[in-house]
Amino acid sequence: MEESHQTDSRRHSHGKEVDMATRRQMIDEALSLGRQELGFLSRGDVFKAEKLSKDRERILDEAMAGLDKESQTMIADRLVELKSLLDEITDAGYRLRSSLKRDLSNMKQQNRRIAGYSFGSGNMPRLARERFVSKKG
């Protein structure tokens, strides 16, 4: 077997060669960022999760750039772990979206209820009062 697959001739974004050890390290870093991202999503901090997501994507793109099939099999265990983590992140995103949608719907119902009580107690909004024409004159 040739040793050429061990040191990939592709260049890192800084012009250096990216060997398999560096690629493994980059994938491990992407995994670490993904775990942090999942934690932030679980706590509802989408802004921090988004920043980590962008960093994770950039690192992963660099790690996978120009990687041939043979080299991919060498890091298959990490790629499977990464795929599993990405599935968890996606699920957490859907759960958060669903929760936010439910909260927004509840807030709209509560606002309608409050507006109904307010209107029923004689508190009519100014715009609504101006729309009614007085029959007295």
Protein backbone atom coordinates (compact mmCIF):
# COMPACT_ATOMS: atom_id res chain seq x y z
CA MET A 1 0.00 0.00 0.00
CA GLU A 2 1.31 3.43 -0.89
CA GLU A 3 1.95 5.98 1.78
CA SER A 4 0.55 8.79 -0.39
CA HIS A 5 -2.89 8.49 1.21
CA GLN A 6 -1.37 9.09 4.63
CA THR A 7 -0.29 12.62 3.80
CA ASP A 8 -2.91 14.31 1.73
CA SER A 9 -1.53 16.83 -0.72
CA ARG A 10 -4.56 19.10 -0.21
CA ARG A 11 -3.81 22.37 1.50
CA HIS A 12 -5.25 23.72 4.73
CA SER A 13 -6.78 27.21 4.50
CA HIS A 14 -3.48 28.61 5.78
CA GLY A 15 -1.49 26.93 3.01
CA LYS A 16 -0.17 24.02 5.10
CA GLU A 17 -0.67 20.40 4.19
CA VAL A 18 -3.40 18.64 6.12
CA ASP A 19 -2.41 15.11 7.12
CA MET A 20 -4.73 12.47 8.56
CA ALA A 21 -3.69 13.20 12.15
CA THR A 22 -4.63 16.86 11.68
CA ARG A 23 -7.91 15.87 10.03
CA ARG A 24 -8.73 13.59 12.98
CA GLN A 25 -7.94 16.41 15.37
CA MET A 26 -10.17 18.78 13.39
CA ILE A 27 -13.04 16.28 13.44
CA ASP A 28 -12.57 15.84 17.20
CA GLU A 29 -12.76 19.62 17.55
CA ALA A 30 -15.95 19.66 15.43
CA LEU A 31 -17.38 16.95 17.72
CA SER A 32 -16.53 19.01 20.79
CA LEU A 33 -18.14 22.12 19.29
CA GLY A 34 -21.20 20.05 18.34
CA ARG A 35 -21.59 18.81 21.93
CA GLN A 36 -21.39 22.40 23.20
CA GLU A 37 -23.87 23.48 20.54
CA LEU A 38 -26.29 20.76 21.65
CA GLY A 39 -25.99 21.98 25.23
CA PHE A 40 -26.79 25.57 24.25
CA LEU A 41 -29.74 24.43 22.13
CA SER A 42 -31.07 22.36 25.01
CA ARG A 43 -30.96 25.46 27.21
CA GLY A 44 -32.60 27.58 24.48
CA ASP A 45 -29.56 29.76 23.76
CA VAL A 46 -29.85 29.81 19.97
CA PHE A 47 -27.39 32.65 19.46
CA LYS A 48 -24.46 30.81 21.05
CA ALA A 49 -25.55 27.58 19.36
CA GLU A 50 -25.58 29.32 15.97
CA LYS A 51 -22.04 30.68 16.45
CA LEU A 52 -20.76 27.23 17.38
CA SER A 53 -22.62 25.72 14.45
CA LYS A 54 -20.84 28.03 12.01
CA ASP A 55 -17.45 27.26 13.58
CA ARG A 56 -18.18 23.51 13.54
CA GLU A 57 -19.22 23.64 9.89
CA ARG A 58 -16.10 25.57 8.85
CA ILE A 59 -13.76 23.18 10.68
CA LEU A 60 -15.54 20.13 9.31
CA ASP A 61 -15.43 21.50 5.75
CA GLU A 62 -11.68 22.01 6.08
CA ALA A 63 -11.19 18.54 7.54
CA MET A 64 -13.18 16.83 4.78
CA ALA A 65 -11.90 18.89 1.83
CA GLY A 66 -10.50 16.59 -0.83
CA LEU A 67 -10.64 13.48 1.35
CA ASP A 68 -10.75 10.32 -0.77
CA LYS A 69 -12.85 7.22 0.01
CA GLU A 70 -9.91 5.27 1.42
CA SER A 71 -9.06 8.08 3.82
CA GLN A 72 -12.71 8.41 4.82
CA THR A 73 -12.76 4.78 5.91
CA MET A 74 -9.79 5.50 8.18
CA ILE A 75 -11.87 8.02 10.14
CA ALA A 76 -15.25 6.29 9.70
CA ASP A 77 -15.77 5.84 13.45
CA ARG A 78 -15.48 9.59 14.04
CA LEU A 79 -17.73 10.34 11.07
CA VAL A 80 -20.41 7.97 12.42
CA GLU A 81 -20.15 9.64 15.82
CA LEU A 82 -20.44 13.05 14.16
CA LYS A 83 -23.51 11.94 12.17
CA SER A 84 -25.16 10.75 15.38
CA LEU A 85 -24.38 14.05 17.10
CA LEU A 86 -25.76 16.04 14.15
CA ASP A 87 -28.99 14.01 14.39
CA GLU A 88 -29.23 14.93 18.09
CA ILE A 89 -28.63 18.61 17.28
CA THR A 90 -31.35 18.51 14.62
CA ASP A 91 -33.79 16.86 17.04
CA ALA A 92 -33.01 19.48 19.70
CA GLY A 93 -33.61 22.22 17.13
CA TYR A 94 -37.01 20.76 16.21
CA ARG A 95 -37.96 20.43 19.88
CA LEU A 96 -36.97 24.05 20.54
CA ARG A 97 -38.90 25.24 17.48
CA SER A 98 -41.97 23.32 18.59
CA SER A 99 -41.70 24.72 22.11
CA LEU A 100 -41.37 28.29 20.83
CA LYS A 101 -44.31 27.81 18.48
CA ARG A 102 -46.44 26.52 21.37
CA ASP A 103 -45.40 29.44 23.61
CA LEU A 104 -46.20 31.96 20.87
CA SER A 105 -49.62 30.40 20.33
CA ASN A 106 -50.33 30.53 24.07
CA MET A 107 -49.30 34.20 24.19
CA LYS A 108 -51.63 35.04 21.28
CA GLN A 109 -54.55 33.31 23.03
CA GLN A 110 -53.80 35.14 26.25
CA ASN A 111 -53.63 38.50 24.43
CA ARG A 112 -57.02 37.79 22.81
CA ARG A 113 -58.49 36.91 26.20
CA ILE A 114 -57.11 40.07 27.81
CA ALA A 115 -58.37 42.18 24.90
CA GLY A 116 -61.81 40.57 25.28
CA TYR A 117 -61.95 41.26 29.02
CA SER A 118 -60.78 44.81 28.45
CA PHE A 119 -63.41 45.43 25.77
CA GLY A 120 -66.10 43.80 27.91
CA SER A 121 -65.31 46.08 30.83
CA GLY A 122 -65.83 49.17 28.70
CA ASN A 123 -62.21 49.84 27.90
CA MET A 124 -62.41 50.34 24.19
CA PRO A 125 -59.21 51.17 22.33
CA ARG A 126 -59.05 54.75 21.00
CA LEU A 127 -58.98 53.58 17.38
CA ALA A 128 -62.13 51.51 17.90
CA ARG A 129 -63.94 54.46 19.57
CA GLU A 130 -63.08 56.74 16.66
CA ARG A 131 -64.53 54.24 14.18
CA PHE A 132 -68.01 54.39 15.72
CA VAL A 133 -70.15 57.27 14.56
CA SER A 134 -72.27 58.91 17.17
CA LYS A 135 -76.00 58.87 16.33
CA LYS A 136 -76.52 61.95 18.46
CA GLY A 137 -75.47 64.55 16.11
